[in-house]
Each structure stands twice: as C-alpha cells, then as structure tokens.
C-alpha atoms as a PDB file:
ATOM      1  CA  UNK A   1      94.535  22.064-136.918  1.00  0.00           C
ATOM      2  CA  UNK A   2      96.373  19.059-138.409  1.00  0.00           C
ATOM      3  CA  UNK A   3      97.248  18.564-142.074  1.00  0.00           C
ATOM      4  CA  UNK A   4      96.990  14.793-141.850  1.00  0.00           C
ATOM      5  CA  UNK A   5      94.094  13.840-144.152  1.00  0.00           C
ATOM      6  CA  UNK A   6      94.670  11.925-147.413  1.00  0.00           C
ATOM      7  CA  UNK A   7      94.413  15.085-149.525  1.00  0.00           C
ATOM      8  CA  UNK A   8      97.105  16.766-147.403  1.00  0.00           C
ATOM      9  CA  UNK A   9      99.414  13.802-147.987  1.00  0.00           C
ATOM     10  CA  UNK A  10      98.565  14.040-151.694  1.00  0.00           C
ATOM     11  CA  UNK A  11      99.774  17.655-151.646  1.00  0.00           C
ATOM     12  CA  UNK A  12     103.073  16.671-150.081  1.00  0.00           C
ATOM     13  CA  UNK A  13     103.713  13.977-152.695  1.00  0.00           C
ATOM     14  CA  UNK A  14     102.301  15.796-155.731  1.00  0.00           C
ATOM     15  CA  UNK A  15     105.511  17.533-156.812  1.00  0.00           C
ATOM     16  CA  UNK A  16     105.412  17.142-160.591  1.00  0.00           C
ATOM     17  CA  UNK A  17     104.760  20.208-162.822  1.00  0.00           C
ATOM     18  CA  UNK A  18     101.168  20.675-163.975  1.00  0.00           C
ATOM     19  CA  UNK A  19     100.780  21.027-167.731  1.00  0.00           C
ATOM     20  CA  UNK A  20      98.173  23.514-169.028  1.00  0.00           C
ATOM     21  CA  UNK A  21      94.908  21.883-170.058  1.00  0.00           C
ATOM     22  CA  UNK A  22      92.031  22.982-172.314  1.00  0.00           C
ATOM     23  CA  UNK A  23      89.376  24.885-170.408  1.00  0.00           C
ATOM     24  CA  UNK A  24      86.090  22.910-170.238  1.00  0.00           C
ATOM     25  CA  UNK A  25      83.236  24.494-172.165  1.00  0.00           C
ATOM     26  CA  UNK A  26      81.125  24.447-169.005  1.00  0.00           C
ATOM     27  CA  UNK A  27      83.580  26.687-167.099  1.00  0.00           C
ATOM     28  CA  UNK A  28      83.926  30.471-167.482  1.00  0.00           C
ATOM     29  CA  UNK A  29      87.575  30.371-166.458  1.00  0.00           C
ATOM     30  CA  UNK A  30      88.120  34.118-166.692  1.00  0.00           C
ATOM     31  CA  UNK A  31      85.244  34.667-164.262  1.00  0.00           C
ATOM     32  CA  UNK A  32      86.502  31.844-162.054  1.00  0.00           C
ATOM     33  CA  UNK A  33      89.885  33.579-161.727  1.00  0.00           C
ATOM     34  CA  UNK A  34      88.199  36.906-161.040  1.00  0.00           C
ATOM     35  CA  UNK A  35      90.617  39.525-159.672  1.00  0.00           C
ATOM     36  CA  UNK A  36      93.398  36.951-159.147  1.00  0.00           C
ATOM     37  CA  UNK A  37      96.411  36.961-161.518  1.00  0.00           C
ATOM     38  CA  UNK A  38      96.019  35.126-164.796  1.00  0.00           C
ATOM     39  CA  UNK A  39      97.274  31.518-164.672  1.00  0.00           C
ATOM     40  CA  UNK A  40      96.837  28.698-167.186  1.00  0.00           C
ATOM     41  CA  UNK A  41      94.001  26.290-166.521  1.00  0.00           C
ATOM     42  CA  UNK A  42      94.703  22.865-165.105  1.00  0.00           C
ATOM     43  CA  UNK A  43      92.196  20.591-163.402  1.00  0.00           C
ATOM     44  CA  UNK A  44      94.154  20.539-160.142  1.00  0.00           C
ATOM     45  CA  UNK A  45      93.968  24.333-159.859  1.00  0.00           C
ATOM     46  CA  UNK A  46      90.189  24.654-159.591  1.00  0.00           C
ATOM     47  CA  UNK A  47      87.315  23.300-157.513  1.00  0.00           C
ATOM     48  CA  UNK A  48      88.518  21.486-154.368  1.00  0.00           C
ATOM     49  CA  UNK A  49      92.230  22.205-154.801  1.00  0.00           C
ATOM     50  CA  UNK A  50      92.074  26.001-155.107  1.00  0.00           C
ATOM     51  CA  UNK A  51      92.181  26.316-151.303  1.00  0.00           C
ATOM     52  CA  UNK A  52      95.858  25.343-151.266  1.00  0.00           C
ATOM     53  CA  UNK A  53      96.950  28.034-153.753  1.00  0.00           C
ATOM     54  CA  UNK A  54      97.647  31.445-152.212  1.00  0.00           C
ATOM     55  CA  UNK A  55      96.054  33.376-155.098  1.00  0.00           C
ATOM     56  CA  UNK A  56      92.680  31.943-154.066  1.00  0.00           C
ATOM     57  CA  UNK A  57      92.928  30.421-150.581  1.00  0.00           C
ATOM     58  CA  UNK A  58      95.125  30.132-147.537  1.00  0.00           C
ATOM     59  CA  UNK A  59      95.520  26.424-146.852  1.00  0.00           C
ATOM     60  CA  UNK A  60      94.197  24.773-143.725  1.00  0.00           C
ATOM     61  CA  UNK A  61      94.692  28.011-141.741  1.00  0.00           C
ATOM     62  CA  UNK A  62      91.824  29.687-143.613  1.00  0.00           C
ATOM     63  CA  UNK A  63      89.936  26.484-144.409  1.00  0.00           C
ATOM     64  CA  UNK A  64      88.894  24.321-141.477  1.00  0.00           C
ATOM     65  CA  UNK A  65      91.070  26.468-139.233  1.00  0.00           C
ATOM     66  CA  UNK A  66      88.376  29.132-139.318  1.00  0.00           C
ATOM     67  CA  UNK A  67      85.915  26.695-137.702  1.00  0.00           C
ATOM     68  CA  UNK A  68      88.292  26.259-134.769  1.00  0.00           C
ATOM     69  CA  UNK A  69      89.452  29.848-134.403  1.00  0.00           C
ATOM     70  CA  UNK A  70      85.882  31.215-134.435  1.00  0.00           C
ATOM     71  CA  UNK A  71      85.036  28.878-131.554  1.00  0.00           C
ATOM     72  CA  UNK A  72      88.090  30.112-129.652  1.00  0.00           C
ATOM     73  CA  UNK A  73      87.013  33.710-130.305  1.00  0.00           C
ATOM     74  CA  UNK A  74      83.500  32.907-129.103  1.00  0.00           C
ATOM     75  CA  UNK A  75      84.645  31.245-125.884  1.00  0.00           C
ATOM     76  CA  UNK A  76      87.153  34.044-125.289  1.00  0.00           C
ATOM     77  CA  UNK A  77      84.315  36.596-125.642  1.00  0.00           C
ATOM     78  CA  UNK A  78      86.244  38.443-128.363  1.00  0.00           C
ATOM     79  CA  UNK A  79      83.835  37.908-131.278  1.00  0.00           C
ATOM     80  CA  UNK A  80      83.858  41.629-132.110  1.00  0.00           C
ATOM     81  CA  UNK A  81      87.554  42.296-131.637  1.00  0.00           C
ATOM     82  CA  UNK A  82      90.753  40.259-131.915  1.00  0.00           C
ATOM     83  CA  UNK A  83      94.278  39.585-130.664  1.00  0.00           C
ATOM     84  CA  UNK A  84      96.857  42.334-130.249  1.00  0.00           C
ATOM     85  CA  UNK A  85      99.933  40.254-131.047  1.00  0.00           C
ATOM     86  CA  UNK A  86     100.414  37.394-133.511  1.00  0.00           C
ATOM     87  CA  UNK A  87     103.371  35.032-133.829  1.00  0.00           C
ATOM     88  CA  UNK A  88     103.524  32.297-136.460  1.00  0.00           C
ATOM     89  CA  UNK A  89     106.102  30.121-138.187  1.00  0.00           C
ATOM     90  CA  UNK A  90     105.534  27.546-140.883  1.00  0.00           C
ATOM     91  CA  UNK A  91     106.711  25.711-143.975  1.00  0.00           C
ATOM     92  CA  UNK A  92     104.998  25.524-147.361  1.00  0.00           C
ATOM     93  CA  UNK A  93     104.133  22.714-149.741  1.00  0.00           C
ATOM     94  CA  UNK A  94     106.204  24.540-152.375  1.00  0.00           C
ATOM     95  CA  UNK A  95     105.701  22.379-155.460  1.00  0.00           C
ATOM     96  CA  UNK A  96     105.043  25.127-157.996  1.00  0.00           C
ATOM     97  CA  UNK A  97     101.239  24.981-157.890  1.00  0.00           C
ATOM     98  CA  UNK A  98     100.303  24.432-154.271  1.00  0.00           C
ATOM     99  CA  UNK A  99     102.048  26.965-152.059  1.00  0.00           C
ATOM    100  CA  UNK A 100     100.080  27.059-148.813  1.00  0.00           C
ATOM    101  CA  UNK A 101     101.636  26.557-145.395  1.00  0.00           C
ATOM    102  CA  UNK A 102     101.340  22.852-144.625  1.00  0.00           C
ATOM    103  CA  UNK A 103     103.186  22.870-141.276  1.00  0.00           C
ATOM    104  CA  UNK A 104     102.783  25.665-138.747  1.00  0.00           C
ATOM    105  CA  UNK A 105     102.801  26.769-135.142  1.00  0.00           C
ATOM    106  CA  UNK A 106     101.298  30.026-133.907  1.00  0.00           C
ATOM    107  CA  UNK A 107     100.239  32.121-130.944  1.00  0.00           C
ATOM    108  CA  UNK A 108      97.608  34.861-130.738  1.00  0.00           C
ATOM    109  CA  UNK A 109      97.896  37.061-127.642  1.00  0.00           C
ATOM    110  CA  UNK A 110      94.896  39.018-126.360  1.00  0.00           C
ATOM    111  CA  UNK A 111      94.814  42.230-124.378  1.00  0.00           C
ATOM    112  CA  UNK A 112      93.255  40.549-121.345  1.00  0.00           C
ATOM    113  CA  UNK A 113      96.064  37.970-121.210  1.00  0.00           C
ATOM    114  CA  UNK A 114      94.561  34.898-122.838  1.00  0.00           C
ATOM    115  CA  UNK A 115      96.317  33.095-125.693  1.00  0.00           C
ATOM    116  CA  UNK A 116      95.315  30.944-128.621  1.00  0.00           C
ATOM    117  CA  UNK A 117      98.109  28.473-129.287  1.00  0.00           C
ATOM    118  CA  UNK A 118      97.805  26.512-132.535  1.00  0.00           C
ATOM    119  CA  UNK A 119      99.682  23.839-134.408  1.00  0.00           C
ATOM    120  CA  UNK A 120      99.470  21.530-137.430  1.00  0.00           C
ATOM    121  CA  UNK A 121     100.128  18.636-135.032  1.00  0.00           C
ATOM    122  CA  UNK A 122      97.706  16.712-132.850  1.00  0.00           C
ATOM    123  CA  UNK A 123      93.947  16.251-133.026  1.00  0.00           C
ATOM    124  CA  UNK A 124      91.590  18.573-134.887  1.00  0.00           C
ATOM    125  CA  UNK A 125      89.803  20.575-132.262  1.00  0.00           C
ATOM    126  CA  UNK A 126      90.139  23.060-129.444  1.00  0.00           C
ATOM    127  CA  UNK A 127      91.537  22.447-125.967  1.00  0.00           C
ATOM    128  CA  UNK A 128      90.509  24.928-123.270  1.00  0.00           C
ATOM    129  CA  UNK A 129      93.136  25.004-120.535  1.00  0.00           C
ATOM    130  CA  UNK A 130      92.220  26.623-117.225  1.00  0.00           C
ATOM    131  CA  UNK A 131      93.146  26.615-113.563  1.00  0.00           C
ATOM    132  CA  UNK A 132      90.981  23.552-112.813  1.00  0.00           C
ATOM    133  CA  UNK A 133      91.933  21.396-115.802  1.00  0.00           C
ATOM    134  CA  UNK A 134      91.064  21.232-119.490  1.00  0.00           C
ATOM    135  CA  UNK A 135      88.210  20.489-121.898  1.00  0.00           C
ATOM    136  CA  UNK A 136      88.801  19.297-125.463  1.00  0.00           C
ATOM    137  CA  UNK A 137      86.178  20.005-128.137  1.00  0.00           C
ATOM    138  CA  UNK A 138      86.241  17.847-131.276  1.00  0.00           C
ATOM    139  CA  UNK A 139      85.312  20.114-134.193  1.00  0.00           C
ATOM    140  CA  UNK A 140      83.602  17.328-136.153  1.00  0.00           C
ATOM    141  CA  UNK A 141      80.670  16.163-134.046  1.00  0.00           C
ATOM    142  CA  UNK A 142      81.326  18.370-131.018  1.00  0.00           C
ATOM    143  CA  UNK A 143      82.341  15.515-128.688  1.00  0.00           C
ATOM    144  CA  UNK A 144      83.787  16.743-125.382  1.00  0.00           C
ATOM    145  CA  UNK A 145      86.603  15.295-123.286  1.00  0.00           C
ATOM    146  CA  UNK A 146      87.992  16.681-120.051  1.00  0.00           C
ATOM    147  CA  UNK A 147      90.922  16.192-117.694  1.00  0.00           C
ATOM    148  CA  UNK A 148      88.298  15.258-115.092  1.00  0.00           C
ATOM    149  CA  UNK A 149      84.887  13.935-116.257  1.00  0.00           C
ATOM    150  CA  UNK A 150      83.248  15.836-113.397  1.00  0.00           C
ATOM    151  CA  UNK A 151      84.001  19.093-115.242  1.00  0.00           C
ATOM    152  CA  UNK A 152      81.558  18.071-117.978  1.00  0.00           C
ATOM    153  CA  UNK A 153      78.801  17.534-115.393  1.00  0.00           C
ATOM    154  CA  UNK A 154      79.160  21.031-113.955  1.00  0.00           C
ATOM    155  CA  UNK A 155      75.910  23.019-114.068  1.00  0.00           C
ATOM    156  CA  UNK A 156      76.059  26.593-115.348  1.00  0.00           C
ATOM    157  CA  UNK A 157      74.404  28.718-112.671  1.00  0.00           C
ATOM    158  CA  UNK A 158      72.141  31.756-113.072  1.00  0.00           C
ATOM    159  CA  UNK A 159      74.320  34.856-113.399  1.00  0.00           C
ATOM    160  CA  UNK A 160      77.103  32.909-115.110  1.00  0.00           C
ATOM    161  CA  UNK A 161      77.671  33.023-118.860  1.00  0.00           C
ATOM    162  CA  UNK A 162      74.817  31.491-120.867  1.00  0.00           C
ATOM    163  CA  UNK A 163      74.824  31.553-124.671  1.00  0.00           C
ATOM    164  CA  UNK A 164      72.228  31.069-127.365  1.00  0.00           C
ATOM    165  CA  UNK A 165      72.186  27.562-128.821  1.00  0.00           C
ATOM    166  CA  UNK A 166      71.980  27.555-132.609  1.00  0.00           C
ATOM    167  CA  UNK A 167      69.414  25.224-134.209  1.00  0.00           C
ATOM    168  CA  UNK A 168      71.884  24.808-137.105  1.00  0.00           C
ATOM    169  CA  UNK A 169      73.249  27.285-139.653  1.00  0.00           C
ATOM    170  CA  UNK A 170      70.447  26.896-142.200  1.00  0.00           C
ATOM    171  CA  UNK A 171      67.570  27.164-139.701  1.00  0.00           C
ATOM    172  CA  UNK A 172      69.300  29.997-137.854  1.00  0.00           C
ATOM    173  CA  UNK A 173      69.736  31.964-141.107  1.00  0.00           C
ATOM    174  CA  UNK A 174      66.094  31.505-142.128  1.00  0.00           C
ATOM    175  CA  UNK A 175      64.935  32.526-138.636  1.00  0.00           C
ATOM    176  CA  UNK A 176      67.163  35.596-138.877  1.00  0.00           C
ATOM    177  CA  UNK A 177      65.545  36.602-142.169  1.00  0.00           C
ATOM    178  CA  UNK A 178      62.022  36.054-140.853  1.00  0.00           C
ATOM    179  CA  UNK A 179      62.566  37.742-137.493  1.00  0.00           C
ATOM    180  CA  UNK A 180      64.989  40.468-138.731  1.00  0.00           C
ATOM    181  CA  UNK A 181      67.712  39.604-136.228  1.00  0.00           C
ATOM    182  CA  UNK A 182      71.371  38.654-136.348  1.00  0.00           C
ATOM    183  CA  UNK A 183      72.364  35.023-136.659  1.00  0.00           C
ATOM    184  CA  UNK A 184      74.434  33.378-133.935  1.00  0.00           C
ATOM    185  CA  UNK A 185      77.470  33.410-136.256  1.00  0.00           C
ATOM    186  CA  UNK A 186      76.865  36.700-138.041  1.00  0.00           C
ATOM    187  CA  UNK A 187      78.920  38.597-140.615  1.00  0.00           C
ATOM    188  CA  UNK A 188      81.019  40.552-138.102  1.00  0.00           C
ATOM    189  CA  UNK A 189      81.982  37.360-136.285  1.00  0.00           C
ATOM    190  CA  UNK A 190      82.939  35.764-139.603  1.00  0.00           C
ATOM    191  CA  UNK A 191      84.964  38.820-140.585  1.00  0.00           C
ATOM    192  CA  UNK A 192      86.899  38.827-137.308  1.00  0.00           C
ATOM    193  CA  UNK A 193      87.672  35.127-137.571  1.00  0.00           C
ATOM    194  CA  UNK A 194      88.760  35.389-141.214  1.00  0.00           C
ATOM    195  CA  UNK A 195      90.977  38.335-140.293  1.00  0.00           C
ATOM    196  CA  UNK A 196      92.893  36.256-137.750  1.00  0.00           C
ATOM    197  CA  UNK A 197      93.356  33.459-140.293  1.00  0.00           C
ATOM    198  CA  UNK A 198      94.781  35.872-142.861  1.00  0.00           C
ATOM    199  CA  UNK A 199      97.004  37.531-140.265  1.00  0.00           C
ATOM    200  CA  UNK A 200      98.492  34.145-139.367  1.00  0.00           C
ATOM    201  CA  UNK A 201      99.403  33.572-143.014  1.00  0.00           C
ATOM    202  CA  UNK A 202     100.838  37.101-143.247  1.00  0.00           C
ATOM    203  CA  UNK A 203     102.953  36.488-140.136  1.00  0.00           C
ATOM    204  CA  UNK A 204     104.351  33.296-141.648  1.00  0.00           C
ATOM    205  CA  UNK A 205     104.867  34.871-145.079  1.00  0.00           C
ATOM    206  CA  UNK A 206     106.614  37.965-143.704  1.00  0.00           C
ATOM    207  CA  UNK A 207     108.530  36.150-140.975  1.00  0.00           C
ATOM    208  CA  UNK A 208     107.583  38.910-138.523  1.00  0.00           C
ATOM    209  CA  UNK A 209     105.786  39.024-135.205  1.00  0.00           C
ATOM    210  CA  UNK A 210     102.792  41.272-135.771  1.00  0.00           C
ATOM    211  CA  UNK A 211     101.285  43.947-133.568  1.00  0.00           C
ATOM    212  CA  UNK A 212      97.586  44.233-134.415  1.00  0.00           C
ATOM    213  CA  UNK A 213      95.166  47.035-133.586  1.00  0.00           C
ATOM    214  CA  UNK A 214      91.737  45.319-133.629  1.00  0.00           C
ATOM    215  CA  UNK A 215      89.878  48.643-133.421  1.00  0.00           C
ATOM    216  CA  UNK A 216      91.558  50.262-136.437  1.00  0.00           C
ATOM    217  CA  UNK A 217      92.188  46.831-138.006  1.00  0.00           C
ATOM    218  CA  UNK A 218      95.786  47.677-138.824  1.00  0.00           C
ATOM    219  CA  UNK A 219      99.205  46.060-138.432  1.00  0.00           C
ATOM    220  CA  UNK A 220     101.098  48.712-136.516  1.00  0.00           C
ATOM    221  CA  UNK A 221     104.715  47.500-136.471  1.00  0.00           C
ATOM    222  CA  UNK A 222     105.508  46.422-140.036  1.00  0.00           C
ATOM    223  CA  UNK A 223     105.059  48.297-143.295  1.00  0.00           C
ATOM    224  CA  UNK A 224     105.886  45.122-145.223  1.00  0.00           C
ATOM    225  CA  UNK A 225     103.230  43.061-143.437  1.00  0.00           C
ATOM    226  CA  UNK A 226     100.651  45.870-143.656  1.00  0.00           C
ATOM    227  CA  UNK A 227     101.079  45.987-147.451  1.00  0.00           C
ATOM    228  CA  UNK A 228     100.329  42.259-147.568  1.00  0.00           C
ATOM    229  CA  UNK A 229      96.799  42.969-146.345  1.00  0.00           C
ATOM    230  CA  UNK A 230      95.945  44.291-149.800  1.00  0.00           C
ATOM    231  CA  UNK A 231      96.488  42.760-153.234  1.00  0.00           C
ATOM    232  CA  UNK A 232      96.391  44.333-156.706  1.00  0.00           C
ATOM    233  CA  UNK A 233      93.346  43.269-158.708  1.00  0.00           C
ATOM    234  CA  UNK A 234      93.507  41.964-162.265  1.00  0.00           C
ATOM    235  CA  UNK A 235      91.687  44.357-164.654  1.00  0.00           C
ATOM    236  CA  UNK A 236      88.837  44.935-165.136  1.00  0.00           C
ATOM    237  CA  UNK A 237      88.082  43.957-161.531  1.00  0.00           C
ATOM    238  CA  UNK A 238      88.201  46.860-159.123  1.00  0.00           C
ATOM    239  CA  UNK A 239      86.729  48.123-155.866  1.00  0.00           C
END
C-alpha cells in the first residue's frame, strides 16, 4: 500500500499554512462538513484532498488500502469476522492541514494463525505467501505473478474452494436489486474491511497493540483506543 504517487509527494512537500478562502456559492460548506468539527474553508481541504485529513478520511490506509485489505479478507475466508490482534506503527504528514499517516507498517493476526502484513513500501497489491511459494496480485488490473509460473496454471478441482466471479460492481449491484440477493461485495463485507482500516489508524494514533473481539466488535485491552472508535458530533448532527 505505497504512498508513492505524485499527490502523495505533493502532500510531503506542501508544508505552508493554508489561508482561509471564501466559500464558493455552489458549495453548501456547512453540509459538506457535516458532523465534523468546524474548520475554515480552503480549496485544498475539500474534494480530492479531504481523504488526507483525519476529520474526514484516514489517508491511504482507508482509501485504496481498503481495496487490498478486503481482498485479503476474502482470500482468508474472514469476510464476516476479522483479526484478533493488530499492530501498527507510522508517521504522519503533519503540516497543519494534512495529518494522515503517510508511512506505516502493520500486522493483523487472525485466530486461525494467518497474518496480514502491510507496509507503505513496495508495489501496490497483495502477495499471498504459502508453503509452495507465492502469488502477487496487482490491485489495478488484477495481473498475477508467482514464484513459479506453474502455480498460475494449477486447476481448481471439484471439492476445493470455488468463488462467484463478479461481472463488475455496477452489473452485480443491479442484478442484486433485480434478483433480491446479496452482491459479491456486500455491506457486511465492506463494514468488516472498513473496520480493519480504522483499527490500523487507531493503533498508530494510540501507539498501542490492540486486542480486537470481532464478534462484539470491541477493543478489549485499551480504554484509550476504545474511546477513539467514537467521535463527538458537531451540533445539530446526532445519531
């Protein structure tokens, strides 16, 4: 999950203070902020750049990271649960406006012994490491590489794990509406993936190794980290 694109490098270099700007007439800025704390408008706060400000997003961990972590969850057959232990360290942009973690390394440990090991270094994708070698999945385009090309020619036999192949998110959603069935990547899967992303940020923010109960969806070893799972809402927003 690298932070190596041009906009990431822009974040690292963009250290000057951001002066408040007039709110465009076309933007309902109060509604845009929603339950987040009030902050003065500046162009580099909204639209694309919001994802790197912790009041609204979580940096690459919650951005494209979700597209990698959900694939790891899927392959690990843990779509409806999650890890039991989370370790993460990182450093932030820290320029006054953008405050996401830009460098990081993490581990998610699962009850059955598997691990997700992540980093802001290397290629963007997912490497599956097993007893017979490895397969690397490129997130953009889905290209596969393997330690031995013969692995990619292996036929999945009857009785082994077979999964539904999505025709694409849009078609799959429309088919789900028409046929009254869950999509391949349904809301529970999305929730579980997003939860892991947020927990990684909480682990880095708190500096603690987290024990996670995926059934009760609670951090069980840190009152400080558990409180970070909830944020006060700016009036009049409430749940």
